[in-house]
C-alpha cells in the first residue's frame, strides 16, 4: 500500500511520481553534518524528510545520509555545487535503491514501456 498527498489531479490508475529515497553524501566535510546544512543541500535534490541516526550522531563521518522525497519525472542530479564563502566544491550524490518509474505510463516497476 502506498500513501501519498492528495491533489486535484489524483488518478488512482497511475502511481505518484513522488518517492522517498535515501541519498548519501560521501566525503562531505564534517562541519556540514549539521541538520540545517544537510537539509539545505538536500533541497537541491528534492524535499528533505529526515536524517539517519548515524548522521545525526556523527557516528559515520565518511558519509551523511538524508531521506529526500523526489519527483521521478524530473532530472535527478548526481552532483551539486556547494558554495562556502569564497570556496566551492562539487558534491557527489549517491541514490540508494532508486525506484524504476515509467514517465510514459506513470507506473512504478519499469523505466520505459516496451510499447507506447
N, C-alpha and C. Protein backbone atom coordinates (compact mmCIF):
# COMPACT_ATOMS: atom_id res chain seq x y z
N UNK A 1 0.84 -1.17 0.00
CA UNK A 1 0.00 0.00 0.00
C UNK A 1 0.89 1.24 0.00
N UNK A 2 0.50 2.23 -0.75
CA UNK A 2 1.22 3.49 -0.81
C UNK A 2 0.31 4.61 -0.36
N UNK A 3 0.82 5.47 0.49
CA UNK A 3 0.08 6.64 0.95
C UNK A 3 0.78 7.86 0.39
N UNK A 4 0.02 8.74 -0.25
CA UNK A 4 0.63 9.95 -0.82
C UNK A 4 -0.32 11.13 -0.67
N UNK A 5 0.23 12.32 -0.87
CA UNK A 5 -0.56 13.54 -0.81
C UNK A 5 -1.64 13.54 -1.87
N UNK A 6 -2.82 14.03 -1.51
CA UNK A 6 -3.91 14.13 -2.47
C UNK A 6 -3.77 15.44 -3.22
N UNK A 7 -4.04 15.41 -4.52
CA UNK A 7 -4.08 16.62 -5.34
C UNK A 7 -5.34 16.58 -6.19
N UNK A 8 -5.68 17.71 -6.79
CA UNK A 8 -6.85 17.77 -7.67
C UNK A 8 -6.70 16.86 -8.88
N UNK A 9 -5.45 16.60 -9.27
CA UNK A 9 -5.18 15.75 -10.45
C UNK A 9 -5.09 14.27 -10.09
N UNK A 10 -5.48 13.89 -8.87
CA UNK A 10 -5.35 12.50 -8.43
C UNK A 10 -6.04 11.54 -9.39
N UNK A 11 -5.32 10.49 -9.76
CA UNK A 11 -5.85 9.45 -10.64
C UNK A 11 -5.38 8.12 -10.06
N UNK A 12 -6.30 7.29 -9.55
CA UNK A 12 -5.88 6.04 -8.91
C UNK A 12 -5.25 5.03 -9.87
N UNK A 13 -5.34 5.26 -11.17
CA UNK A 13 -4.76 4.30 -12.12
C UNK A 13 -3.28 4.56 -12.40
N UNK A 14 -2.75 5.66 -11.88
CA UNK A 14 -1.33 5.96 -12.08
C UNK A 14 -0.66 6.12 -10.72
N UNK A 15 0.64 5.83 -10.69
CA UNK A 15 1.41 5.99 -9.46
C UNK A 15 1.93 7.41 -9.36
N UNK A 16 1.93 7.94 -8.16
CA UNK A 16 2.51 9.26 -7.94
C UNK A 16 4.01 9.20 -8.22
N UNK A 17 4.55 10.18 -8.91
CA UNK A 17 5.99 10.17 -9.20
C UNK A 17 6.84 10.57 -8.00
N UNK A 18 6.21 10.96 -6.90
CA UNK A 18 6.95 11.34 -5.71
C UNK A 18 7.33 10.10 -4.92
N UNK A 19 8.60 10.01 -4.55
CA UNK A 19 9.07 8.83 -3.85
C UNK A 19 10.14 9.22 -2.84
N UNK A 20 10.07 8.66 -1.61
CA UNK A 20 11.15 8.90 -0.65
C UNK A 20 12.36 8.04 -1.02
N UNK A 21 13.52 8.67 -1.06
CA UNK A 21 14.76 7.97 -1.44
C UNK A 21 15.86 8.45 -0.50
N UNK A 22 16.69 7.52 -0.05
CA UNK A 22 17.86 7.90 0.74
C UNK A 22 18.97 8.31 -0.20
N UNK A 23 19.58 9.47 0.10
CA UNK A 23 20.76 9.90 -0.64
C UNK A 23 21.96 9.85 0.30
N UNK A 24 23.11 9.54 -0.26
CA UNK A 24 24.35 9.50 0.51
C UNK A 24 25.28 10.58 -0.01
N UNK A 25 25.82 11.37 0.90
CA UNK A 25 26.76 12.43 0.57
C UNK A 25 28.12 12.01 1.10
N UNK A 26 28.86 11.27 0.28
CA UNK A 26 30.16 10.75 0.70
C UNK A 26 31.22 11.83 0.64
N UNK A 27 32.08 11.85 1.66
CA UNK A 27 33.19 12.79 1.68
C UNK A 27 32.79 14.22 2.01
N UNK A 28 31.58 14.42 2.48
CA UNK A 28 31.13 15.76 2.85
C UNK A 28 31.93 16.23 4.06
N UNK A 29 32.43 17.47 4.06
CA UNK A 29 33.17 17.97 5.22
C UNK A 29 32.33 17.86 6.49
N UNK A 30 32.99 17.47 7.58
CA UNK A 30 32.29 17.18 8.83
C UNK A 30 31.55 18.40 9.38
N UNK A 31 32.03 19.61 9.11
CA UNK A 31 31.34 20.79 9.64
C UNK A 31 29.99 21.02 8.96
N UNK A 32 29.69 20.28 7.89
CA UNK A 32 28.39 20.37 7.24
C UNK A 32 27.41 19.28 7.70
N UNK A 33 27.82 18.47 8.70
CA UNK A 33 26.94 17.44 9.25
C UNK A 33 26.00 18.05 10.29
N UNK A 34 25.48 19.18 10.02
CA UNK A 34 24.55 19.89 10.88
C UNK A 34 23.20 19.83 10.18
N UNK A 35 22.12 19.51 10.91
CA UNK A 35 20.83 19.31 10.25
C UNK A 35 20.42 20.42 9.28
N UNK A 36 20.57 21.68 9.64
CA UNK A 36 20.17 22.76 8.73
C UNK A 36 21.01 22.76 7.46
N UNK A 37 22.31 22.52 7.59
CA UNK A 37 23.18 22.48 6.42
C UNK A 37 22.82 21.29 5.53
N UNK A 38 22.59 20.13 6.13
CA UNK A 38 22.24 18.94 5.35
C UNK A 38 20.90 19.11 4.65
N UNK A 39 19.93 19.72 5.31
CA UNK A 39 18.63 19.94 4.68
C UNK A 39 18.75 20.95 3.54
N UNK A 40 19.62 21.95 3.69
CA UNK A 40 19.84 22.91 2.60
C UNK A 40 20.43 22.22 1.38
N UNK A 41 21.38 21.32 1.60
CA UNK A 41 21.97 20.56 0.50
C UNK A 41 20.92 19.65 -0.13
N UNK A 42 20.15 18.95 0.72
CA UNK A 42 19.14 18.01 0.23
C UNK A 42 18.04 18.71 -0.57
N UNK A 43 17.76 19.97 -0.27
CA UNK A 43 16.74 20.72 -1.01
C UNK A 43 17.12 20.91 -2.47
N UNK A 44 18.40 20.76 -2.79
CA UNK A 44 18.84 20.85 -4.18
C UNK A 44 18.41 19.61 -4.98
N UNK A 45 18.00 18.56 -4.26
CA UNK A 45 17.58 17.30 -4.88
C UNK A 45 16.07 17.13 -4.82
N UNK A 46 15.46 17.51 -3.71
CA UNK A 46 14.03 17.32 -3.50
C UNK A 46 13.61 17.91 -2.17
N UNK A 47 12.60 17.31 -1.55
CA UNK A 47 12.13 17.78 -0.24
C UNK A 47 12.72 16.90 0.85
N UNK A 48 13.59 17.45 1.70
CA UNK A 48 14.20 16.63 2.75
C UNK A 48 13.15 16.16 3.75
N UNK A 49 13.28 14.89 4.15
CA UNK A 49 12.33 14.31 5.10
C UNK A 49 12.97 14.04 6.46
N UNK A 50 14.15 13.40 6.45
CA UNK A 50 14.81 13.07 7.72
C UNK A 50 16.26 12.71 7.49
N UNK A 51 17.03 12.73 8.60
CA UNK A 51 18.42 12.28 8.60
C UNK A 51 18.47 10.93 9.29
N UNK A 52 19.43 10.09 8.90
CA UNK A 52 19.55 8.83 9.62
C UNK A 52 20.27 9.07 10.94
N UNK A 53 20.12 8.14 11.89
CA UNK A 53 20.66 8.34 13.24
C UNK A 53 22.18 8.42 13.25
N UNK A 54 22.86 7.66 12.39
CA UNK A 54 24.32 7.71 12.35
C UNK A 54 24.80 9.09 11.91
N UNK A 55 24.06 9.73 11.01
CA UNK A 55 24.41 11.08 10.57
C UNK A 55 24.16 12.07 11.71
N UNK A 56 23.03 11.97 12.37
CA UNK A 56 22.71 12.86 13.48
C UNK A 56 23.73 12.76 14.61
N UNK A 57 24.20 11.54 14.88
CA UNK A 57 25.12 11.29 15.99
C UNK A 57 26.59 11.37 15.58
N UNK A 58 26.86 11.71 14.32
CA UNK A 58 28.23 11.76 13.78
C UNK A 58 28.96 10.44 13.98
N UNK A 59 28.21 9.34 13.93
CA UNK A 59 28.80 8.01 14.13
C UNK A 59 29.51 7.50 12.88
N UNK A 60 29.22 8.09 11.73
CA UNK A 60 29.83 7.66 10.47
C UNK A 60 30.24 8.92 9.71
N UNK A 61 31.40 9.50 10.05
CA UNK A 61 31.79 10.79 9.44
C UNK A 61 32.17 10.71 7.96
N UNK A 62 32.24 9.52 7.40
CA UNK A 62 32.61 9.40 5.99
C UNK A 62 31.45 9.66 5.04
N UNK A 63 30.22 9.57 5.55
CA UNK A 63 29.05 9.76 4.69
C UNK A 63 27.86 10.27 5.51
N UNK A 64 27.14 11.23 4.93
CA UNK A 64 25.89 11.72 5.52
C UNK A 64 24.75 11.14 4.69
N UNK A 65 23.70 10.68 5.38
CA UNK A 65 22.54 10.13 4.68
C UNK A 65 21.31 10.97 5.01
N UNK A 66 20.56 11.31 3.95
CA UNK A 66 19.34 12.11 4.09
C UNK A 66 18.24 11.45 3.27
N UNK A 67 17.07 11.30 3.87
CA UNK A 67 15.92 10.80 3.12
C UNK A 67 15.24 12.01 2.48
N UNK A 68 15.04 11.93 1.16
CA UNK A 68 14.51 13.04 0.38
C UNK A 68 13.35 12.55 -0.47
N UNK A 69 12.27 13.31 -0.52
CA UNK A 69 11.18 13.00 -1.43
C UNK A 69 11.52 13.64 -2.78
N UNK A 70 11.64 12.79 -3.80
CA UNK A 70 11.99 13.30 -5.12
C UNK A 70 10.86 13.04 -6.11
N UNK A 71 10.83 13.87 -7.13
CA UNK A 71 9.87 13.71 -8.23
C UNK A 71 10.59 12.97 -9.34
N UNK A 72 10.19 11.73 -9.59
CA UNK A 72 10.88 10.88 -10.55
C UNK A 72 10.64 11.27 -12.00
N UNK A 73 9.78 12.27 -12.24
CA UNK A 73 9.58 12.75 -13.61
C UNK A 73 10.58 13.86 -13.96
N UNK A 74 11.32 14.32 -12.97
CA UNK A 74 12.28 15.41 -13.19
C UNK A 74 13.70 14.85 -13.23
N UNK A 75 14.62 15.56 -13.87
CA UNK A 75 16.02 15.11 -13.88
C UNK A 75 16.57 15.01 -12.45
N UNK A 76 17.34 13.98 -12.21
CA UNK A 76 17.89 13.73 -10.89
C UNK A 76 19.38 14.06 -10.91
N UNK A 77 19.81 15.07 -10.13
CA UNK A 77 21.23 15.44 -10.16
C UNK A 77 22.10 14.38 -9.48
N UNK A 78 23.26 14.14 -10.05
CA UNK A 78 24.20 13.19 -9.45
C UNK A 78 25.34 13.90 -8.75
N UNK A 79 25.30 15.23 -8.76
CA UNK A 79 26.25 16.06 -8.01
C UNK A 79 25.66 17.46 -7.92
N UNK A 80 26.03 18.18 -6.87
CA UNK A 80 25.60 19.57 -6.69
C UNK A 80 26.79 20.42 -6.28
N UNK A 81 26.79 21.67 -6.67
CA UNK A 81 27.82 22.60 -6.25
C UNK A 81 27.45 23.15 -4.88
N UNK A 82 28.42 23.13 -3.97
CA UNK A 82 28.24 23.71 -2.64
C UNK A 82 29.19 24.90 -2.54
N UNK A 83 28.62 26.04 -2.22
CA UNK A 83 29.40 27.28 -2.10
C UNK A 83 29.55 27.64 -0.63
N UNK A 84 30.79 27.82 -0.19
CA UNK A 84 31.09 28.19 1.19
C UNK A 84 31.97 29.44 1.16
N UNK A 85 31.35 30.58 1.26
CA UNK A 85 32.13 31.82 1.20
C UNK A 85 32.83 31.97 -0.13
N UNK A 86 34.16 32.04 -0.10
CA UNK A 86 34.96 32.21 -1.31
C UNK A 86 35.26 30.89 -2.02
N UNK A 87 34.99 29.77 -1.37
CA UNK A 87 35.31 28.48 -1.98
C UNK A 87 34.04 27.72 -2.36
N UNK A 88 34.21 26.75 -3.22
CA UNK A 88 33.10 25.89 -3.62
C UNK A 88 33.65 24.53 -4.00
N UNK A 89 32.78 23.53 -3.99
CA UNK A 89 33.18 22.19 -4.42
C UNK A 89 31.97 21.45 -4.96
N UNK A 90 32.25 20.46 -5.79
CA UNK A 90 31.20 19.62 -6.37
C UNK A 90 31.00 18.42 -5.47
N UNK A 91 29.80 18.27 -4.92
CA UNK A 91 29.49 17.18 -4.01
C UNK A 91 28.71 16.09 -4.75
N UNK A 92 29.31 14.88 -4.86
CA UNK A 92 28.57 13.77 -5.49
C UNK A 92 27.37 13.35 -4.64
N UNK A 93 26.32 12.91 -5.32
CA UNK A 93 25.13 12.40 -4.65
C UNK A 93 24.90 10.98 -5.12
N UNK A 94 24.83 10.06 -4.16
CA UNK A 94 24.56 8.65 -4.48
C UNK A 94 23.15 8.33 -4.00
N UNK A 95 22.34 7.75 -4.88
CA UNK A 95 20.97 7.39 -4.56
C UNK A 95 20.92 5.92 -4.17
N UNK A 96 20.25 5.63 -3.06
CA UNK A 96 20.13 4.25 -2.58
C UNK A 96 18.77 3.70 -3.00
N UNK A 97 18.80 2.62 -3.76
CA UNK A 97 17.57 1.94 -4.18
C UNK A 97 16.57 2.87 -4.87
N UNK A 98 17.05 3.60 -5.85
CA UNK A 98 16.19 4.49 -6.63
C UNK A 98 15.18 3.65 -7.40
N UNK A 99 13.87 3.87 -7.19
CA UNK A 99 12.88 3.03 -7.86
C UNK A 99 12.78 3.32 -9.35
N UNK A 100 12.42 2.31 -10.12
CA UNK A 100 12.15 2.49 -11.55
C UNK A 100 10.76 3.09 -11.69
N UNK A 101 10.65 4.14 -12.50
CA UNK A 101 9.37 4.80 -12.73
C UNK A 101 9.27 5.14 -14.21
N UNK A 102 8.20 4.69 -14.85
CA UNK A 102 7.99 4.95 -16.27
C UNK A 102 7.22 6.26 -16.42
N UNK A 103 7.83 7.22 -17.10
CA UNK A 103 7.15 8.50 -17.31
C UNK A 103 6.10 8.43 -18.42
N UNK A 104 6.12 7.35 -19.20
CA UNK A 104 5.11 7.19 -20.26
C UNK A 104 3.78 6.73 -19.70
N UNK A 105 3.79 5.61 -18.96
CA UNK A 105 2.53 5.09 -18.40
C UNK A 105 2.33 5.48 -16.94
N UNK A 106 3.33 6.13 -16.34
CA UNK A 106 3.30 6.62 -14.96
C UNK A 106 3.02 5.52 -13.95
N UNK A 107 3.82 4.46 -14.05
CA UNK A 107 3.71 3.32 -13.15
C UNK A 107 5.11 2.93 -12.69
N UNK A 108 5.22 2.51 -11.43
CA UNK A 108 6.49 2.00 -10.91
C UNK A 108 6.76 0.60 -11.44
N UNK A 109 8.02 0.22 -11.49
CA UNK A 109 8.39 -1.14 -11.85
C UNK A 109 9.22 -1.25 -13.11
N UNK A 110 9.17 -0.23 -13.95
CA UNK A 110 9.99 -0.22 -15.17
C UNK A 110 10.24 1.24 -15.55
N UNK A 111 11.26 1.47 -16.40
CA UNK A 111 11.60 2.84 -16.78
C UNK A 111 11.01 3.25 -18.12
N UNK A 112 10.91 2.31 -19.04
CA UNK A 112 10.39 2.62 -20.38
C UNK A 112 9.43 1.54 -20.81
N UNK A 113 8.25 1.95 -21.27
CA UNK A 113 7.29 0.98 -21.79
C UNK A 113 7.83 0.36 -23.06
N UNK A 114 7.61 -0.93 -23.21
CA UNK A 114 8.05 -1.60 -24.44
C UNK A 114 7.22 -1.16 -25.64
N UNK A 115 5.94 -0.86 -25.39
CA UNK A 115 5.10 -0.36 -26.49
C UNK A 115 4.21 0.76 -25.97
N UNK A 116 4.41 1.93 -26.51
CA UNK A 116 3.61 3.08 -26.07
C UNK A 116 2.80 3.59 -27.23
